[in-house]
Amino acid sequence: MIAKNVELNGLDPATRALDILYWKNHCIKQLESLLCAADSYSTADKAAQLRILSESVLPNLGPRPSKAIGPSYLTQSGSPIQLSLSTTSSKTASDIAGRF
């Protein structure tokens, strides 16, 4: 586990916290909307998916776009994360794609 006061990838803890907050503000609502639209997830499942995104994915996306070395070419928007909804199967499901 990394201590709170240790720099990670050259970023001070305050900057890193702002980066994570940026990603939370730009991804949590969108995934929550997709999970609700899928109409296949229980409240507990939605909470678990949002917790995984918040605790495991978003802290690893890196700096906010204004500080990134270059754009992500994974998505058309330039974001390093793409949320999508699959409706081709009998059970609608959400999907998260990311490049780390």
PDB file of N, CA and C in Angstrom:
ATOM      1  N   MET A   1       0.841  -1.177   0.000  1.00  0.00           N
ATOM      2  CA  MET A   1       0.000   0.000   0.000  1.00  0.00           C
ATOM      3  C   MET A   1       0.888   1.242   0.000  1.00  0.00           C
ATOM      4  N   ILE A   2       0.490   2.269  -0.711  1.00  0.00           N
ATOM      5  CA  ILE A   2       1.270   3.493  -0.833  1.00  0.00           C
ATOM      6  C   ILE A   2       0.851   4.470   0.261  1.00  0.00           C
ATOM      7  N   ALA A   3       1.822   5.031   0.939  1.00  0.00           N
ATOM      8  CA  ALA A   3       1.531   6.017   1.984  1.00  0.00           C
ATOM      9  C   ALA A   3       0.921   7.261   1.359  1.00  0.00           C
ATOM     10  N   LYS A   4       0.070   7.940   2.105  1.00  0.00           N
ATOM     11  CA  LYS A   4      -0.633   9.105   1.578  1.00  0.00           C
ATOM     12  C   LYS A   4       0.297  10.243   1.185  1.00  0.00           C
ATOM     13  N   ASN A   5       1.420  10.393   1.839  1.00  0.00           N
ATOM     14  CA  ASN A   5       2.301  11.525   1.579  1.00  0.00           C
ATOM     15  C   ASN A   5       3.391  11.233   0.552  1.00  0.00           C
ATOM     16  N   VAL A   6       3.419  10.049   0.011  1.00  0.00           N
ATOM     17  CA  VAL A   6       4.442   9.678  -0.962  1.00  0.00           C
ATOM     18  C   VAL A   6       4.002  10.120  -2.350  1.00  0.00           C
ATOM     19  N   GLU A   7       4.937  10.691  -3.105  1.00  0.00           N
ATOM     20  CA  GLU A   7       4.626  11.080  -4.471  1.00  0.00           C
ATOM     21  C   GLU A   7       4.452   9.830  -5.317  1.00  0.00           C
ATOM     22  N   LEU A   8       3.483   9.853  -6.224  1.00  0.00           N
ATOM     23  CA  LEU A   8       3.240   8.740  -7.126  1.00  0.00           C
ATOM     24  C   LEU A   8       3.400   9.251  -8.544  1.00  0.00           C
ATOM     25  N   ASN A   9       4.322   8.669  -9.282  1.00  0.00           N
ATOM     26  CA  ASN A   9       4.606   9.091 -10.654  1.00  0.00           C
ATOM     27  C   ASN A   9       4.937  10.578 -10.728  1.00  0.00           C
ATOM     28  N   GLY A  10       5.623  11.087  -9.726  1.00  0.00           N
ATOM     29  CA  GLY A  10       6.050  12.477  -9.738  1.00  0.00           C
ATOM     30  C   GLY A  10       4.968  13.473  -9.371  1.00  0.00           C
ATOM     31  N   LEU A  11       3.792  13.009  -8.986  1.00  0.00           N
ATOM     32  CA  LEU A  11       2.710  13.918  -8.629  1.00  0.00           C
ATOM     33  C   LEU A  11       2.570  13.998  -7.120  1.00  0.00           C
ATOM     34  N   ASP A  12       2.377  15.205  -6.619  1.00  0.00           N
ATOM     35  CA  ASP A  12       2.148  15.342  -5.189  1.00  0.00           C
ATOM     36  C   ASP A  12       0.733  14.852  -4.873  1.00  0.00           C
ATOM     37  N   PRO A  13       0.469  14.467  -3.632  1.00  0.00           N
ATOM     38  CA  PRO A  13      -0.837  13.911  -3.265  1.00  0.00           C
ATOM     39  C   PRO A  13      -2.022  14.826  -3.584  1.00  0.00           C
ATOM     40  N   ALA A  14      -1.850  16.137  -3.439  1.00  0.00           N
ATOM     41  CA  ALA A  14      -2.953  17.065  -3.715  1.00  0.00           C
ATOM     42  C   ALA A  14      -3.315  17.061  -5.200  1.00  0.00           C
ATOM     43  N   THR A  15      -2.301  17.063  -6.066  1.00  0.00           N
ATOM     44  CA  THR A  15      -2.543  17.028  -7.509  1.00  0.00           C
ATOM     45  C   THR A  15      -3.193  15.714  -7.905  1.00  0.00           C
ATOM     46  N   ARG A  16      -2.692  14.627  -7.340  1.00  0.00           N
ATOM     47  CA  ARG A  16      -3.255  13.305  -7.634  1.00  0.00           C
ATOM     48  C   ARG A  16      -4.719  13.240  -7.198  1.00  0.00           C
ATOM     49  N   ALA A  17      -5.037  13.798  -6.035  1.00  0.00           N
ATOM     50  CA  ALA A  17      -6.420  13.808  -5.547  1.00  0.00           C
ATOM     51  C   ALA A  17      -7.322  14.599  -6.490  1.00  0.00           C
ATOM     52  N   LEU A  18      -6.815  15.723  -7.012  1.00  0.00           N
ATOM     53  CA  LEU A  18      -7.592  16.519  -7.970  1.00  0.00           C
ATOM     54  C   LEU A  18      -7.802  15.761  -9.274  1.00  0.00           C
ATOM     55  N   ASP A  19      -6.786  15.018  -9.714  1.00  0.00           N
ATOM     56  CA  ASP A  19      -6.919  14.212 -10.929  1.00  0.00           C
ATOM     57  C   ASP A  19      -7.996  13.144 -10.754  1.00  0.00           C
ATOM     58  N   ILE A  20      -7.970  12.449  -9.618  1.00  0.00           N
ATOM     59  CA  ILE A  20      -8.963  11.404  -9.353  1.00  0.00           C
ATOM     60  C   ILE A  20     -10.360  12.016  -9.256  1.00  0.00           C
ATOM     61  N   LEU A  21     -10.478  13.169  -8.614  1.00  0.00           N
ATOM     62  CA  LEU A  21     -11.765  13.855  -8.516  1.00  0.00           C
ATOM     63  C   LEU A  21     -12.280  14.225  -9.906  1.00  0.00           C
ATOM     64  N   TYR A  22     -11.381  14.689 -10.778  1.00  0.00           N
ATOM     65  CA  TYR A  22     -11.765  15.013 -12.155  1.00  0.00           C
ATOM     66  C   TYR A  22     -12.376  13.791 -12.828  1.00  0.00           C
ATOM     67  N   TRP A  23     -11.695  12.636 -12.737  1.00  0.00           N
ATOM     68  CA  TRP A  23     -12.191  11.416 -13.392  1.00  0.00           C
ATOM     69  C   TRP A  23     -13.505  10.952 -12.781  1.00  0.00           C
ATOM     70  N   LYS A  24     -13.641  11.087 -11.472  1.00  0.00           N
ATOM     71  CA  LYS A  24     -14.905  10.702 -10.828  1.00  0.00           C
ATOM     72  C   LYS A  24     -16.043  11.570 -11.355  1.00  0.00           C
ATOM     73  N   ASN A  25     -15.801  12.875 -11.473  1.00  0.00           N
ATOM     74  CA  ASN A  25     -16.828  13.790 -11.973  1.00  0.00           C
ATOM     75  C   ASN A  25     -17.195  13.514 -13.425  1.00  0.00           C
ATOM     76  N   HIS A  26     -16.286  12.930 -14.195  1.00  0.00           N
ATOM     77  CA  HIS A  26     -16.537  12.689 -15.611  1.00  0.00           C
ATOM     78  C   HIS A  26     -16.933  11.258 -15.948  1.00  0.00           C
ATOM     79  N   CYS A  27     -16.877  10.346 -15.002  1.00  0.00           N
ATOM     80  CA  CYS A  27     -17.154   8.943 -15.329  1.00  0.00           C
ATOM     81  C   CYS A  27     -18.253   8.295 -14.494  1.00  0.00           C
ATOM     82  N   ILE A  28     -18.369   8.667 -13.240  1.00  0.00           N
ATOM     83  CA  ILE A  28     -19.320   7.992 -12.350  1.00  0.00           C
ATOM     84  C   ILE A  28     -20.759   8.152 -12.842  1.00  0.00           C
ATOM     85  N   LYS A  29     -21.171   9.382 -13.139  1.00  0.00           N
ATOM     86  CA  LYS A  29     -22.545   9.626 -13.587  1.00  0.00           C
ATOM     87  C   LYS A  29     -22.855   8.878 -14.882  1.00  0.00           C
ATOM     88  N   GLN A  30     -21.884   8.859 -15.792  1.00  0.00           N
ATOM     89  CA  GLN A  30     -22.100   8.202 -17.069  1.00  0.00           C
ATOM     90  C   GLN A  30     -22.297   6.699 -16.898  1.00  0.00           C
ATOM     91  N   LEU A  31     -21.452   6.064 -16.072  1.00  0.00           N
ATOM     92  CA  LEU A  31     -21.605   4.629 -15.856  1.00  0.00           C
ATOM     93  C   LEU A  31     -22.909   4.342 -15.119  1.00  0.00           C
ATOM     94  N   GLU A  32     -23.231   5.156 -14.145  1.00  0.00           N
ATOM     95  CA  GLU A  32     -24.483   4.962 -13.411  1.00  0.00           C
ATOM     96  C   GLU A  32     -25.677   5.038 -14.363  1.00  0.00           C
ATOM     97  N   SER A  33     -25.638   5.978 -15.294  1.00  0.00           N
ATOM     98  CA  SER A  33     -26.700   6.120 -16.284  1.00  0.00           C
ATOM     99  C   SER A  33     -26.804   4.874 -17.168  1.00  0.00           C
ATOM    100  N   LEU A  34     -25.653   4.351 -17.601  1.00  0.00           N
ATOM    101  CA  LEU A  34     -25.663   3.140 -18.427  1.00  0.00           C
ATOM    102  C   LEU A  34     -26.203   1.936 -17.658  1.00  0.00           C
ATOM    103  N   LEU A  35     -25.804   1.797 -16.413  1.00  0.00           N
ATOM    104  CA  LEU A  35     -26.277   0.675 -15.603  1.00  0.00           C
ATOM    105  C   LEU A  35     -27.791   0.748 -15.404  1.00  0.00           C
ATOM    106  N   CYS A  36     -28.308   1.949 -15.214  1.00  0.00           N
ATOM    107  CA  CYS A  36     -29.760   2.114 -15.072  1.00  0.00           C
ATOM    108  C   CYS A  36     -30.470   1.826 -16.393  1.00  0.00           C
ATOM    109  N   ALA A  37     -29.890   2.285 -17.503  1.00  0.00           N
ATOM    110  CA  ALA A  37     -30.491   2.055 -18.818  1.00  0.00           C
ATOM    111  C   ALA A  37     -30.519   0.575 -19.175  1.00  0.00           C
ATOM    112  N   ALA A  38     -29.534  -0.169 -18.709  1.00  0.00           N
ATOM    113  CA  ALA A  38     -29.480  -1.602 -19.000  1.00  0.00           C
ATOM    114  C   ALA A  38     -30.646  -2.332 -18.345  1.00  0.00           C
ATOM    115  N   ASP A  39     -31.146  -1.809 -17.247  1.00  0.00           N
ATOM    116  CA  ASP A  39     -32.277  -2.389 -16.530  1.00  0.00           C
ATOM    117  C   ASP A  39     -32.050  -3.867 -16.198  1.00  0.00           C
ATOM    118  N   SER A  40     -30.786  -4.241 -15.991  1.00  0.00           N
ATOM    119  CA  SER A  40     -30.425  -5.629 -15.691  1.00  0.00           C
ATOM    120  C   SER A  40     -29.676  -5.764 -14.377  1.00  0.00           C
ATOM    121  N   TYR A  41     -29.414  -4.653 -13.714  1.00  0.00           N
ATOM    122  CA  TYR A  41     -28.581  -4.671 -12.519  1.00  0.00           C
ATOM    123  C   TYR A  41     -29.395  -4.337 -11.282  1.00  0.00           C
ATOM    124  N   SER A  42     -29.164  -5.083 -10.216  1.00  0.00           N
ATOM    125  CA  SER A  42     -29.796  -4.760  -8.933  1.00  0.00           C
ATOM    126  C   SER A  42     -29.089  -3.539  -8.345  1.00  0.00           C
ATOM    127  N   THR A  43     -29.668  -2.967  -7.328  1.00  0.00           N
ATOM    128  CA  THR A  43     -29.048  -1.822  -6.660  1.00  0.00           C
ATOM    129  C   THR A  43     -27.671  -2.196  -6.120  1.00  0.00           C
ATOM    130  N   ALA A  44     -27.555  -3.398  -5.552  1.00  0.00           N
ATOM    131  CA  ALA A  44     -26.264  -3.859  -5.022  1.00  0.00           C
ATOM    132  C   ALA A  44     -25.238  -4.040  -6.141  1.00  0.00           C
ATOM    133  N   ASP A  45     -25.676  -4.571  -7.293  1.00  0.00           N
ATOM    134  CA  ASP A  45     -24.768  -4.744  -8.433  1.00  0.00           C
ATOM    135  C   ASP A  45     -24.283  -3.394  -8.956  1.00  0.00           C
ATOM    136  N   LYS A  46     -25.186  -2.427  -9.041  1.00  0.00           N
ATOM    137  CA  LYS A  46     -24.807  -1.082  -9.494  1.00  0.00           C
ATOM    138  C   LYS A  46     -23.773  -0.479  -8.552  1.00  0.00           C
ATOM    139  N   ALA A  47     -24.031  -0.606  -7.252  1.00  0.00           N
ATOM    140  CA  ALA A  47     -23.096  -0.059  -6.261  1.00  0.00           C
ATOM    141  C   ALA A  47     -21.733  -0.731  -6.372  1.00  0.00           C
ATOM    142  N   ALA A  48     -21.718  -2.034  -6.593  1.00  0.00           N
ATOM    143  CA  ALA A  48     -20.450  -2.764  -6.723  1.00  0.00           C
ATOM    144  C   ALA A  48     -19.686  -2.315  -7.964  1.00  0.00           C
ATOM    145  N   GLN A  49     -20.382  -2.143  -9.092  1.00  0.00           N
ATOM    146  CA  GLN A  49     -19.730  -1.698 -10.324  1.00  0.00           C
ATOM    147  C   GLN A  49     -19.150  -0.294 -10.159  1.00  0.00           C
ATOM    148  N   LEU A  50     -19.911   0.589  -9.536  1.00  0.00           N
ATOM    149  CA  LEU A  50     -19.436   1.955  -9.318  1.00  0.00           C
ATOM    150  C   LEU A  50     -18.256   1.978  -8.347  1.00  0.00           C
ATOM    151  N   ARG A  51     -18.276   1.114  -7.344  1.00  0.00           N
ATOM    152  CA  ARG A  51     -17.160   1.032  -6.395  1.00  0.00           C
ATOM    153  C   ARG A  51     -15.894   0.542  -7.102  1.00  0.00           C
ATOM    154  N   ILE A  52     -16.016  -0.471  -7.953  1.00  0.00           N
ATOM    155  CA  ILE A  52     -14.855  -0.979  -8.693  1.00  0.00           C
ATOM    156  C   ILE A  52     -14.280   0.116  -9.586  1.00  0.00           C
ATOM    157  N   LEU A  53     -15.154   0.820 -10.303  1.00  0.00           N
ATOM    158  CA  LEU A  53     -14.694   1.915 -11.160  1.00  0.00           C
ATOM    159  C   LEU A  53     -13.978   2.969 -10.328  1.00  0.00           C
ATOM    160  N   SER A  54     -14.588   3.353  -9.219  1.00  0.00           N
ATOM    161  CA  SER A  54     -14.051   4.418  -8.375  1.00  0.00           C
ATOM    162  C   SER A  54     -12.747   4.042  -7.684  1.00  0.00           C
ATOM    163  N   GLU A  55     -12.654   2.806  -7.193  1.00  0.00           N
ATOM    164  CA  GLU A  55     -11.485   2.401  -6.410  1.00  0.00           C
ATOM    165  C   GLU A  55     -10.356   1.793  -7.239  1.00  0.00           C
ATOM    166  N   SER A  56     -10.679   1.137  -8.339  1.00  0.00           N
ATOM    167  CA  SER A  56      -9.649   0.407  -9.083  1.00  0.00           C
ATOM    168  C   SER A  56      -9.299   1.000 -10.439  1.00  0.00           C
ATOM    169  N   VAL A  57     -10.280   1.558 -11.125  1.00  0.00           N
ATOM    170  CA  VAL A  57     -10.036   2.054 -12.486  1.00  0.00           C
ATOM    171  C   VAL A  57      -9.624   3.521 -12.486  1.00  0.00           C
ATOM    172  N   LEU A  58     -10.445   4.373 -11.916  1.00  0.00           N
ATOM    173  CA  LEU A  58     -10.199   5.819 -11.993  1.00  0.00           C
ATOM    174  C   LEU A  58      -8.863   6.270 -11.406  1.00  0.00           C
ATOM    175  N   PRO A  59      -8.404   5.719 -10.280  1.00  0.00           N
ATOM    176  CA  PRO A  59      -7.103   6.154  -9.764  1.00  0.00           C
ATOM    177  C   PRO A  59      -5.938   5.824 -10.698  1.00  0.00           C
ATOM    178  N   ASN A  60      -6.169   4.946 -11.661  1.00  0.00           N
ATOM    179  CA  ASN A  60      -5.107   4.545 -12.585  1.00  0.00           C
ATOM    180  C   ASN A  60      -5.200   5.206 -13.953  1.00  0.00           C
ATOM    181  N   LEU A  61      -6.137   6.127 -14.139  1.00  0.00           N
ATOM    182  CA  LEU A  61      -6.261   6.807 -15.428  1.00  0.00           C
ATOM    183  C   LEU A  61      -5.199   7.877 -15.629  1.00  0.00           C
ATOM    184  N   GLY A  62      -4.578   8.302 -14.549  1.00  0.00           N
ATOM    185  CA  GLY A  62      -3.509   9.283 -14.673  1.00  0.00           C
ATOM    186  C   GLY A  62      -4.007  10.704 -14.576  1.00  0.00           C
ATOM    187  N   PRO A  63      -3.195  11.636 -15.076  1.00  0.00           N
ATOM    188  CA  PRO A  63      -3.529  13.054 -14.945  1.00  0.00           C
ATOM    189  C   PRO A  63      -4.730  13.454 -15.792  1.00  0.00           C
ATOM    190  N   ARG A  64      -5.325  14.557 -15.398  1.00  0.00           N
ATOM    191  CA  ARG A  64      -6.426  15.130 -16.173  1.00  0.00           C
ATOM    192  C   ARG A  64      -5.923  15.447 -17.577  1.00  0.00           C
ATOM    193  N   PRO A  65      -6.811  15.529 -18.565  1.00  0.00           N
ATOM    194  CA  PRO A  65      -6.388  15.762 -19.948  1.00  0.00           C
ATOM    195  C   PRO A  65      -5.468  16.955 -20.151  1.00  0.00           C
ATOM    196  N   SER A  66      -5.640  18.021 -19.383  1.00  0.00           N
ATOM    197  CA  SER A  66      -4.809  19.209 -19.580  1.00  0.00           C
ATOM    198  C   SER A  66      -3.343  18.949 -19.246  1.00  0.00           C
ATOM    199  N   LYS A  67      -3.060  17.890 -18.464  1.00  0.00           N
ATOM    200  CA  LYS A  67      -1.692  17.609 -18.072  1.00  0.00           C
ATOM    201  C   LYS A  67      -1.141  16.339 -18.722  1.00  0.00           C
ATOM    202  N   ALA A  68      -1.930  15.676 -19.522  1.00  0.00           N
ATOM    203  CA  ALA A  68      -1.480  14.438 -20.152  1.00  0.00           C
ATOM    204  C   ALA A  68      -0.443  14.746 -21.224  1.00  0.00           C
ATOM    205  N   ILE A  69       0.459  13.817 -21.442  1.00  0.00           N
ATOM    206  CA  ILE A  69       1.508  13.992 -22.445  1.00  0.00           C
ATOM    207  C   ILE A  69       0.910  14.060 -23.840  1.00  0.00           C
ATOM    208  N   GLY A  70      -0.080  13.264 -24.098  1.00  0.00           N
ATOM    209  CA  GLY A  70      -0.738  13.247 -25.396  1.00  0.00           C
ATOM    210  C   GLY A  70      -2.132  12.677 -25.253  1.00  0.00           C
ATOM    211  N   PRO A  71      -2.954  12.842 -26.278  1.00  0.00           N
ATOM    212  CA  PRO A  71      -4.321  12.328 -26.181  1.00  0.00           C
ATOM    213  C   PRO A  71      -4.354  10.807 -26.271  1.00  0.00           C
ATOM    214  N   SER A  72      -5.413  10.248 -25.719  1.00  0.00           N
ATOM    215  CA  SER A  72      -5.635   8.813 -25.855  1.00  0.00           C
ATOM    216  C   SER A  72      -6.264   8.573 -27.219  1.00  0.00           C
ATOM    217  N   TYR A  73      -5.764   7.601 -27.932  1.00  0.00           N
ATOM    218  CA  TYR A  73      -6.333   7.282 -29.237  1.00  0.00           C
ATOM    219  C   TYR A  73      -7.289   6.106 -29.146  1.00  0.00           C
ATOM    220  N   LEU A  74      -7.611   5.686 -27.917  1.00  0.00           N
ATOM    221  CA  LEU A  74      -8.529   4.582 -27.699  1.00  0.00           C
ATOM    222  C   LEU A  74      -9.960   4.990 -28.031  1.00  0.00           C
ATOM    223  N   THR A  75     -10.318   6.231 -27.752  1.00  0.00           N
ATOM    224  CA  THR A  75     -11.688   6.685 -27.966  1.00  0.00           C
ATOM    225  C   THR A  75     -11.713   7.892 -28.892  1.00  0.00           C
ATOM    226  N   GLN A  76     -12.859   8.130 -29.509  1.00  0.00           N
ATOM    227  CA  GLN A  76     -13.002   9.288 -30.391  1.00  0.00           C
ATOM    228  C   GLN A  76     -12.918  10.600 -29.622  1.00  0.00           C
ATOM    229  N   SER A  77     -13.329  10.581 -28.360  1.00  0.00           N
ATOM    230  CA  SER A  77     -13.330  11.807 -27.559  1.00  0.00           C
ATOM    231  C   SER A  77     -11.953  12.165 -27.019  1.00  0.00           C
ATOM    232  N   GLY A  78     -10.994  11.218 -27.099  1.00  0.00           N
ATOM    233  CA  GLY A  78      -9.675  11.463 -26.542  1.00  0.00           C
ATOM    234  C   GLY A  78      -9.562  11.049 -25.091  1.00  0.00           C
ATOM    235  N   SER A  79     -10.652  10.624 -24.502  1.00  0.00           N
ATOM    236  CA  SER A  79     -10.655  10.168 -23.110  1.00  0.00           C
ATOM    237  C   SER A  79     -10.036   8.777 -23.029  1.00  0.00           C
ATOM    238  N   PRO A  80      -9.326   8.474 -21.951  1.00  0.00           N
ATOM    239  CA  PRO A  80      -8.735   7.146 -21.834  1.00  0.00           C
ATOM    240  C   PRO A  80      -9.732   6.080 -21.387  1.00  0.00           C
ATOM    241  N   ILE A  81     -10.992   6.448 -21.220  1.00  0.00           N
ATOM    242  CA  ILE A  81     -12.004   5.466 -20.823  1.00  0.00           C
ATOM    243  C   ILE A  81     -13.225   5.619 -21.720  1.00  0.00           C
ATOM    244  N   GLN A  82     -13.777   4.488 -22.120  1.00  0.00           N
ATOM    245  CA  GLN A  82     -14.961   4.496 -22.968  1.00  0.00           C
ATOM    246  C   GLN A  82     -16.015   3.614 -22.322  1.00  0.00           C
ATOM    247  N   LEU A  83     -17.172   4.179 -22.094  1.00  0.00           N
ATOM    248  CA  LEU A  83     -18.286   3.433 -21.533  1.00  0.00           C
ATOM    249  C   LEU A  83     -19.231   3.085 -22.668  1.00  0.00           C
ATOM    250  N   SER A  84     -19.754   1.867 -22.673  1.00  0.00           N
ATOM    251  CA  SER A  84     -20.689   1.483 -23.719  1.00  0.00           C
ATOM    252  C   SER A  84     -21.744   0.549 -23.162  1.00  0.00           C
ATOM    253  N   LEU A  85     -22.795   0.369 -23.924  1.00  0.00           N
ATOM    254  CA  LEU A  85     -23.913  -0.470 -23.528  1.00  0.00           C
ATOM    255  C   LEU A  85     -24.158  -1.482 -24.631  1.00  0.00           C
ATOM    256  N   SER A  86     -24.109  -2.760 -24.294  1.00  0.00           N
ATOM    257  CA  SER A  86     -24.335  -3.829 -25.262  1.00  0.00           C
ATOM    258  C   SER A  86     -25.786  -4.270 -25.174  1.00  0.00           C
ATOM    259  N   THR A  87     -26.489  -4.217 -26.289  1.00  0.00           N
ATOM    260  CA  THR A  87     -27.883  -4.651 -26.311  1.00  0.00           C
ATOM    261  C   THR A  87     -28.082  -5.836 -27.245  1.00  0.00           C
ATOM    262  N   THR A  88     -26.997  -6.468 -27.661  1.00  0.00           N
ATOM    263  CA  THR A  88     -27.096  -7.562 -28.627  1.00  0.00           C
ATOM    264  C   THR A  88     -27.453  -8.897 -27.994  1.00  0.00           C
ATOM    265  N   SER A  89     -27.191  -9.070 -26.721  1.00  0.00           N
ATOM    266  CA  SER A  89     -27.502 -10.339 -26.068  1.00  0.00           C
ATOM    267  C   SER A  89     -28.884 -10.270 -25.424  1.00  0.00           C
ATOM    268  N   SER A  90     -29.316 -11.380 -24.872  1.00  0.00           N
ATOM    269  CA  SER A  90     -30.619 -11.402 -24.216  1.00  0.00           C
ATOM    270  C   SER A  90     -30.617 -10.562 -22.945  1.00  0.00           C
ATOM    271  N   LYS A  91     -29.432 -10.338 -22.381  1.00  0.00           N
ATOM    272  CA  LYS A  91     -29.308  -9.518 -21.176  1.00  0.00           C
ATOM    273  C   LYS A  91     -28.445  -8.304 -21.503  1.00  0.00           C
ATOM    274  N   THR A  92     -29.007  -7.123 -21.366  1.00  0.00           N
ATOM    275  CA  THR A  92     -28.269  -5.898 -21.632  1.00  0.00           C
ATOM    276  C   THR A  92     -27.171  -5.737 -20.590  1.00  0.00           C
ATOM    277  N   ALA A  93     -25.991  -5.346 -21.041  1.00  0.00           N
ATOM    278  CA  ALA A  93     -24.863  -5.209 -20.121  1.00  0.00           C
ATOM    279  C   ALA A  93     -24.050  -3.971 -20.459  1.00  0.00           C
ATOM    280  N   SER A  94     -23.425  -3.391 -19.447  1.00  0.00           N
ATOM    281  CA  SER A  94     -22.541  -2.252 -19.673  1.00  0.00           C
ATOM    282  C   SER A  94     -21.119  -2.762 -19.832  1.00  0.00           C
ATOM    283  N   ASP A  95     -20.281  -1.940 -20.425  1.00  0.00           N
ATOM    284  CA  ASP A  95     -18.900  -2.334 -20.674  1.00  0.00           C
ATOM    285  C   ASP A  95     -18.010  -1.117 -20.481  1.00  0.00           C
ATOM    286  N   ILE A  96     -16.842  -1.344 -19.909  1.00  0.00           N
ATOM    287  CA  ILE A  96     -15.854  -0.281 -19.732  1.00  0.00           C
ATOM    288  C   ILE A  96     -14.593  -0.714 -20.453  1.00  0.00           C
ATOM    289  N   ALA A  97     -14.093   0.121 -21.329  1.00  0.00           N
ATOM    290  CA  ALA A  97     -12.827  -0.158 -22.001  1.00  0.00           C
ATOM    291  C   ALA A  97     -11.837   0.913 -21.588  1.00  0.00           C
ATOM    292  N   GLY A  98     -10.625   0.514 -21.313  1.00  0.00           N
ATOM    293  CA  GLY A  98      -9.618   1.488 -20.921  1.00  0.00           C
ATOM    294  C   GLY A  98      -8.250   1.082 -21.388  1.00  0.00           C
ATOM    295  N   ARG A  99      -7.388   2.048 -21.527  1.00  0.00           N
ATOM    296  CA  ARG A  99      -6.016   1.777 -21.929  1.00  0.00           C
ATOM    297  C   ARG A  99      -5.109   2.385 -20.881  1.00  0.00           C
ATOM    298  N   PHE A 100      -4.304   1.543 -20.277  1.00  0.00           N
ATOM    299  CA  PHE A 100      -3.438   2.016 -19.198  1.00  0.00           C
ATOM    300  C   PHE A 100      -1.993   1.878 -19.588  1.00  0.00           C
TER     301      PHE A 100
END
